């Protein structure tokens, strides 16, 4: 990781996440790319590695893509690289569970379909909807991206105090 980010830098990451979402990137891409520079990853790399998680993982409306992006960041922050490091794995999993709970407290659910008020039995085609004013008005996704980025920024602020 690069030098410890300042609170101002982290606040800028939150703003950047919303900007990325409003420019057309999916929820996961927006969260990951906003913080990518903190991990020595280019924005393009971040956008590619998180591209499949939007729309509740491949637009299947499962786990929210913004949350998945935050969990990906948790791996970059605390993930272990030794397959025998059970303590390291447990520590990372504990962080993910903590972040998931924060996400649910802030947004009411972790599942994309629940967040969007969609039927769990409805299938969704893989083609994303056009990003129009109506799209942004009817969906809570911009706010969820912002809240998710805030959760991650708050975690980093506390971790690096």
C-alpha atoms as a PDB file:
ATOM      1  CA  UNK A   1       0.000   0.000   0.000  1.00  0.00           C
ATOM      2  CA  UNK A   2       1.114   3.548  -0.654  1.00  0.00           C
ATOM      3  CA  UNK A   3       1.560   6.026   2.206  1.00  0.00           C
ATOM      4  CA  UNK A   4      -1.357   6.209   4.604  1.00  0.00           C
ATOM      5  CA  UNK A   5      -4.156   8.220   2.993  1.00  0.00           C
ATOM      6  CA  UNK A   6      -5.373  11.347   4.727  1.00  0.00           C
ATOM      7  CA  UNK A   7      -9.038  11.814   5.622  1.00  0.00           C
ATOM      8  CA  UNK A   8      -9.275  14.419   2.841  1.00  0.00           C
ATOM      9  CA  UNK A   9      -7.894  11.915   0.318  1.00  0.00           C
ATOM     10  CA  UNK A  10     -10.371   9.297   1.496  1.00  0.00           C
ATOM     11  CA  UNK A  11     -13.262  11.742   1.212  1.00  0.00           C
ATOM     12  CA  UNK A  12     -12.121  12.423  -2.359  1.00  0.00           C
ATOM     13  CA  UNK A  13     -12.279   8.668  -3.026  1.00  0.00           C
ATOM     14  CA  UNK A  14     -15.915   8.647  -1.910  1.00  0.00           C
ATOM     15  CA  UNK A  15     -16.707  11.518  -4.276  1.00  0.00           C
ATOM     16  CA  UNK A  16     -14.808   9.763  -7.064  1.00  0.00           C
ATOM     17  CA  UNK A  17     -16.812   6.550  -6.580  1.00  0.00           C
ATOM     18  CA  UNK A  18     -20.074   8.426  -7.170  1.00  0.00           C
ATOM     19  CA  UNK A  19     -18.591  10.226 -10.188  1.00  0.00           C
ATOM     20  CA  UNK A  20     -17.507   6.925 -11.701  1.00  0.00           C
ATOM     21  CA  UNK A  21     -20.960   5.428 -11.197  1.00  0.00           C
ATOM     22  CA  UNK A  22     -22.696   8.445 -12.689  1.00  0.00           C
ATOM     23  CA  UNK A  23     -20.365   8.287 -15.681  1.00  0.00           C
ATOM     24  CA  UNK A  24     -21.646   4.791 -16.506  1.00  0.00           C
ATOM     25  CA  UNK A  25     -19.430   2.326 -14.644  1.00  0.00           C
ATOM     26  CA  UNK A  26     -21.128  -0.373 -12.634  1.00  0.00           C
ATOM     27  CA  UNK A  27     -21.414  -0.231  -8.851  1.00  0.00           C
ATOM     28  CA  UNK A  28     -18.495  -2.574  -8.196  1.00  0.00           C
ATOM     29  CA  UNK A  29     -16.191  -0.842 -10.660  1.00  0.00           C
ATOM     30  CA  UNK A  30     -17.016   2.521  -9.129  1.00  0.00           C
ATOM     31  CA  UNK A  31     -16.056   1.482  -5.608  1.00  0.00           C
ATOM     32  CA  UNK A  32     -12.885  -0.404  -6.556  1.00  0.00           C
ATOM     33  CA  UNK A  33     -11.555   2.137  -9.057  1.00  0.00           C
ATOM     34  CA  UNK A  34     -12.049   5.034  -6.636  1.00  0.00           C
ATOM     35  CA  UNK A  35      -9.574   3.466  -4.190  1.00  0.00           C
ATOM     36  CA  UNK A  36      -7.315   1.622  -6.654  1.00  0.00           C
ATOM     37  CA  UNK A  37      -4.451   4.108  -6.458  1.00  0.00           C
ATOM     38  CA  UNK A  38      -4.080   3.311  -2.747  1.00  0.00           C
ATOM     39  CA  UNK A  39      -3.035  -0.213  -3.729  1.00  0.00           C
ATOM     40  CA  UNK A  40      -0.756   0.580  -6.651  1.00  0.00           C
ATOM     41  CA  UNK A  41      -3.377  -0.532  -9.151  1.00  0.00           C
ATOM     42  CA  UNK A  42      -4.280   1.532 -12.176  1.00  0.00           C
ATOM     43  CA  UNK A  43      -7.852   2.630 -12.685  1.00  0.00           C
ATOM     44  CA  UNK A  44      -8.025   0.453 -15.803  1.00  0.00           C
ATOM     45  CA  UNK A  45      -6.882  -2.616 -13.853  1.00  0.00           C
ATOM     46  CA  UNK A  46      -9.430  -1.894 -11.146  1.00  0.00           C
ATOM     47  CA  UNK A  47     -12.198  -1.442 -13.694  1.00  0.00           C
ATOM     48  CA  UNK A  48     -11.344  -4.733 -15.399  1.00  0.00           C
ATOM     49  CA  UNK A  49     -11.029  -6.840 -12.245  1.00  0.00           C
ATOM     50  CA  UNK A  50     -14.319  -5.577 -10.828  1.00  0.00           C
ATOM     51  CA  UNK A  51     -16.314  -5.484 -14.083  1.00  0.00           C
ATOM     52  CA  UNK A  52     -18.062  -8.821 -13.534  1.00  0.00           C
ATOM     53  CA  UNK A  53     -19.491  -7.945 -10.119  1.00  0.00           C
ATOM     54  CA  UNK A  54     -21.924  -5.194 -11.161  1.00  0.00           C
ATOM     55  CA  UNK A  55     -25.668  -5.665 -10.986  1.00  0.00           C
ATOM     56  CA  UNK A  56     -25.388  -8.128  -8.147  1.00  0.00           C
ATOM     57  CA  UNK A  57     -22.656 -10.194  -9.846  1.00  0.00           C
ATOM     58  CA  UNK A  58     -23.121 -10.291 -13.594  1.00  0.00           C
ATOM     59  CA  UNK A  59     -26.520  -8.598 -13.340  1.00  0.00           C
ATOM     60  CA  UNK A  60     -27.934 -11.695 -11.624  1.00  0.00           C
ATOM     61  CA  UNK A  61     -29.148  -9.495  -8.732  1.00  0.00           C
ATOM     62  CA  UNK A  62     -27.295 -11.496  -6.081  1.00  0.00           C
ATOM     63  CA  UNK A  63     -24.815  -9.855  -3.673  1.00  0.00           C
ATOM     64  CA  UNK A  64     -24.702  -6.122  -4.381  1.00  0.00           C
ATOM     65  CA  UNK A  65     -21.839  -5.200  -6.693  1.00  0.00           C
ATOM     66  CA  UNK A  66     -20.850  -2.216  -4.555  1.00  0.00           C
ATOM     67  CA  UNK A  67     -20.472  -4.560  -1.581  1.00  0.00           C
ATOM     68  CA  UNK A  68     -18.519  -7.027  -3.732  1.00  0.00           C
ATOM     69  CA  UNK A  69     -16.201  -4.189  -4.715  1.00  0.00           C
ATOM     70  CA  UNK A  70     -15.664  -3.330  -1.063  1.00  0.00           C
ATOM     71  CA  UNK A  71     -14.903  -6.992  -0.318  1.00  0.00           C
ATOM     72  CA  UNK A  72     -12.380  -6.984  -3.158  1.00  0.00           C
ATOM     73  CA  UNK A  73     -10.727  -3.965  -1.523  1.00  0.00           C
ATOM     74  CA  UNK A  74     -10.725  -5.855   1.778  1.00  0.00           C
ATOM     75  CA  UNK A  75      -8.724  -8.567   0.059  1.00  0.00           C
ATOM     76  CA  UNK A  76      -6.235  -6.024  -1.210  1.00  0.00           C
ATOM     77  CA  UNK A  77      -5.962  -4.563   2.285  1.00  0.00           C
ATOM     78  CA  UNK A  78      -5.853  -7.705   4.440  1.00  0.00           C
ATOM     79  CA  UNK A  79      -5.956 -10.742   2.174  1.00  0.00           C
ATOM     80  CA  UNK A  80      -3.378 -13.425   2.821  1.00  0.00           C
ATOM     81  CA  UNK A  81      -1.225 -15.042   0.178  1.00  0.00           C
ATOM     82  CA  UNK A  82      -0.086 -18.096   2.134  1.00  0.00           C
ATOM     83  CA  UNK A  83      -2.535 -20.975   1.632  1.00  0.00           C
ATOM     84  CA  UNK A  84      -1.673 -22.385   5.048  1.00  0.00           C
ATOM     85  CA  UNK A  85      -2.297 -19.103   6.912  1.00  0.00           C
ATOM     86  CA  UNK A  86      -5.587 -19.983   8.588  1.00  0.00           C
ATOM     87  CA  UNK A  87      -5.297 -17.020  10.953  1.00  0.00           C
ATOM     88  CA  UNK A  88      -4.816 -14.644   8.038  1.00  0.00           C
ATOM     89  CA  UNK A  89      -7.793 -16.089   6.196  1.00  0.00           C
ATOM     90  CA  UNK A  90      -9.927 -15.860   9.321  1.00  0.00           C
ATOM     91  CA  UNK A  91      -8.882 -12.264   9.872  1.00  0.00           C
ATOM     92  CA  UNK A  92      -9.829 -11.322   6.327  1.00  0.00           C
ATOM     93  CA  UNK A  93     -13.125 -13.196   6.538  1.00  0.00           C
ATOM     94  CA  UNK A  94     -13.899 -11.443   9.833  1.00  0.00           C
ATOM     95  CA  UNK A  95     -13.318  -8.094   8.130  1.00  0.00           C
ATOM     96  CA  UNK A  96     -15.605  -9.038   5.237  1.00  0.00           C
ATOM     97  CA  UNK A  97     -18.331 -10.125   7.661  1.00  0.00           C
ATOM     98  CA  UNK A  98     -17.933  -6.864   9.602  1.00  0.00           C
ATOM     99  CA  UNK A  99     -18.161  -4.814   6.409  1.00  0.00           C
ATOM    100  CA  UNK A 100     -21.185  -6.814   5.233  1.00  0.00           C
ATOM    101  CA  UNK A 101     -22.945  -6.068   8.514  1.00  0.00           C
ATOM    102  CA  UNK A 102     -22.139  -2.342   8.196  1.00  0.00           C
ATOM    103  CA  UNK A 103     -23.444  -2.439   4.626  1.00  0.00           C
ATOM    104  CA  UNK A 104     -26.697  -4.138   5.690  1.00  0.00           C
ATOM    105  CA  UNK A 105     -27.170  -1.653   8.533  1.00  0.00           C
ATOM    106  CA  UNK A 106     -26.699   1.275   6.157  1.00  0.00           C
ATOM    107  CA  UNK A 107     -28.698  -0.065   3.211  1.00  0.00           C
ATOM    108  CA  UNK A 108     -31.169  -2.560   4.641  1.00  0.00           C
ATOM    109  CA  UNK A 109     -29.966  -5.577   2.661  1.00  0.00           C
ATOM    110  CA  UNK A 110     -26.948  -7.100   0.971  1.00  0.00           C
ATOM    111  CA  UNK A 111     -28.762  -8.641  -1.989  1.00  0.00           C
ATOM    112  CA  UNK A 112     -29.151  -6.495  -5.116  1.00  0.00           C
ATOM    113  CA  UNK A 113     -32.712  -7.668  -5.849  1.00  0.00           C
ATOM    114  CA  UNK A 114     -33.779  -6.725  -2.322  1.00  0.00           C
ATOM    115  CA  UNK A 115     -32.109  -3.320  -2.575  1.00  0.00           C
ATOM    116  CA  UNK A 116     -33.906  -2.667  -5.870  1.00  0.00           C
ATOM    117  CA  UNK A 117     -37.239  -4.098  -4.749  1.00  0.00           C
ATOM    118  CA  UNK A 118     -37.186  -6.736  -7.501  1.00  0.00           C
ATOM    119  CA  UNK A 119     -38.818 -10.140  -7.480  1.00  0.00           C
ATOM    120  CA  UNK A 120     -36.395 -12.905  -6.581  1.00  0.00           C
ATOM    121  CA  UNK A 121     -37.915 -15.125  -9.263  1.00  0.00           C
ATOM    122  CA  UNK A 122     -37.618 -12.638 -12.108  1.00  0.00           C
ATOM    123  CA  UNK A 123     -34.753 -13.341 -14.462  1.00  0.00           C
ATOM    124  CA  UNK A 124     -32.754 -10.414 -15.721  1.00  0.00           C
ATOM    125  CA  UNK A 125     -31.146 -10.308 -19.130  1.00  0.00           C
ATOM    126  CA  UNK A 126     -27.418  -9.583 -19.165  1.00  0.00           C
ATOM    127  CA  UNK A 127     -27.841  -6.316 -21.078  1.00  0.00           C
ATOM    128  CA  UNK A 128     -27.585  -3.355 -18.693  1.00  0.00           C
ATOM    129  CA  UNK A 129     -30.130  -0.585 -18.836  1.00  0.00           C
ATOM    130  CA  UNK A 130     -29.251   2.701 -20.487  1.00  0.00           C
ATOM    131  CA  UNK A 131     -28.021   5.269 -17.985  1.00  0.00           C
ATOM    132  CA  UNK A 132     -30.606   8.000 -18.237  1.00  0.00           C
ATOM    133  CA  UNK A 133     -31.980  10.582 -15.834  1.00  0.00           C
ATOM    134  CA  UNK A 134     -34.889   8.211 -15.220  1.00  0.00           C
ATOM    135  CA  UNK A 135     -32.495   5.344 -14.463  1.00  0.00           C
ATOM    136  CA  UNK A 136     -30.715   7.341 -11.761  1.00  0.00           C
ATOM    137  CA  UNK A 137     -34.017   8.675 -10.368  1.00  0.00           C
ATOM    138  CA  UNK A 138     -35.588   5.244  -9.869  1.00  0.00           C
ATOM    139  CA  UNK A 139     -32.570   3.419  -8.431  1.00  0.00           C
ATOM    140  CA  UNK A 140     -30.796   3.790  -5.100  1.00  0.00           C
ATOM    141  CA  UNK A 141     -27.498   2.674  -6.641  1.00  0.00           C
ATOM    142  CA  UNK A 142     -25.733   6.073  -6.567  1.00  0.00           C
ATOM    143  CA  UNK A 143     -26.484   6.386  -2.871  1.00  0.00           C
ATOM    144  CA  UNK A 144     -25.434   2.780  -2.237  1.00  0.00           C
ATOM    145  CA  UNK A 145     -22.132   3.337  -4.040  1.00  0.00           C
ATOM    146  CA  UNK A 146     -21.576   6.462  -1.957  1.00  0.00           C
ATOM    147  CA  UNK A 147     -22.469   4.707   1.306  1.00  0.00           C
ATOM    148  CA  UNK A 148     -20.238   1.741   0.453  1.00  0.00           C
ATOM    149  CA  UNK A 149     -17.300   4.015  -0.341  1.00  0.00           C
ATOM    150  CA  UNK A 150     -17.906   5.815   2.978  1.00  0.00           C
ATOM    151  CA  UNK A 151     -17.889   2.506   4.862  1.00  0.00           C
ATOM    152  CA  UNK A 152     -14.559   1.608   3.262  1.00  0.00           C
ATOM    153  CA  UNK A 153     -13.086   5.081   3.830  1.00  0.00           C
ATOM    154  CA  UNK A 154     -14.180   4.988   7.487  1.00  0.00           C
ATOM    155  CA  UNK A 155     -12.583   1.573   7.890  1.00  0.00           C
ATOM    156  CA  UNK A 156      -9.305   2.871   6.431  1.00  0.00           C
ATOM    157  CA  UNK A 157      -9.399   5.967   8.646  1.00  0.00           C
ATOM    158  CA  UNK A 158      -9.738   3.806  11.757  1.00  0.00           C
ATOM    159  CA  UNK A 159      -7.183   1.234  10.575  1.00  0.00           C
ATOM    160  CA  UNK A 160      -4.547   3.853   9.899  1.00  0.00           C
ATOM    161  CA  UNK A 161      -5.092   6.207  12.847  1.00  0.00           C
END
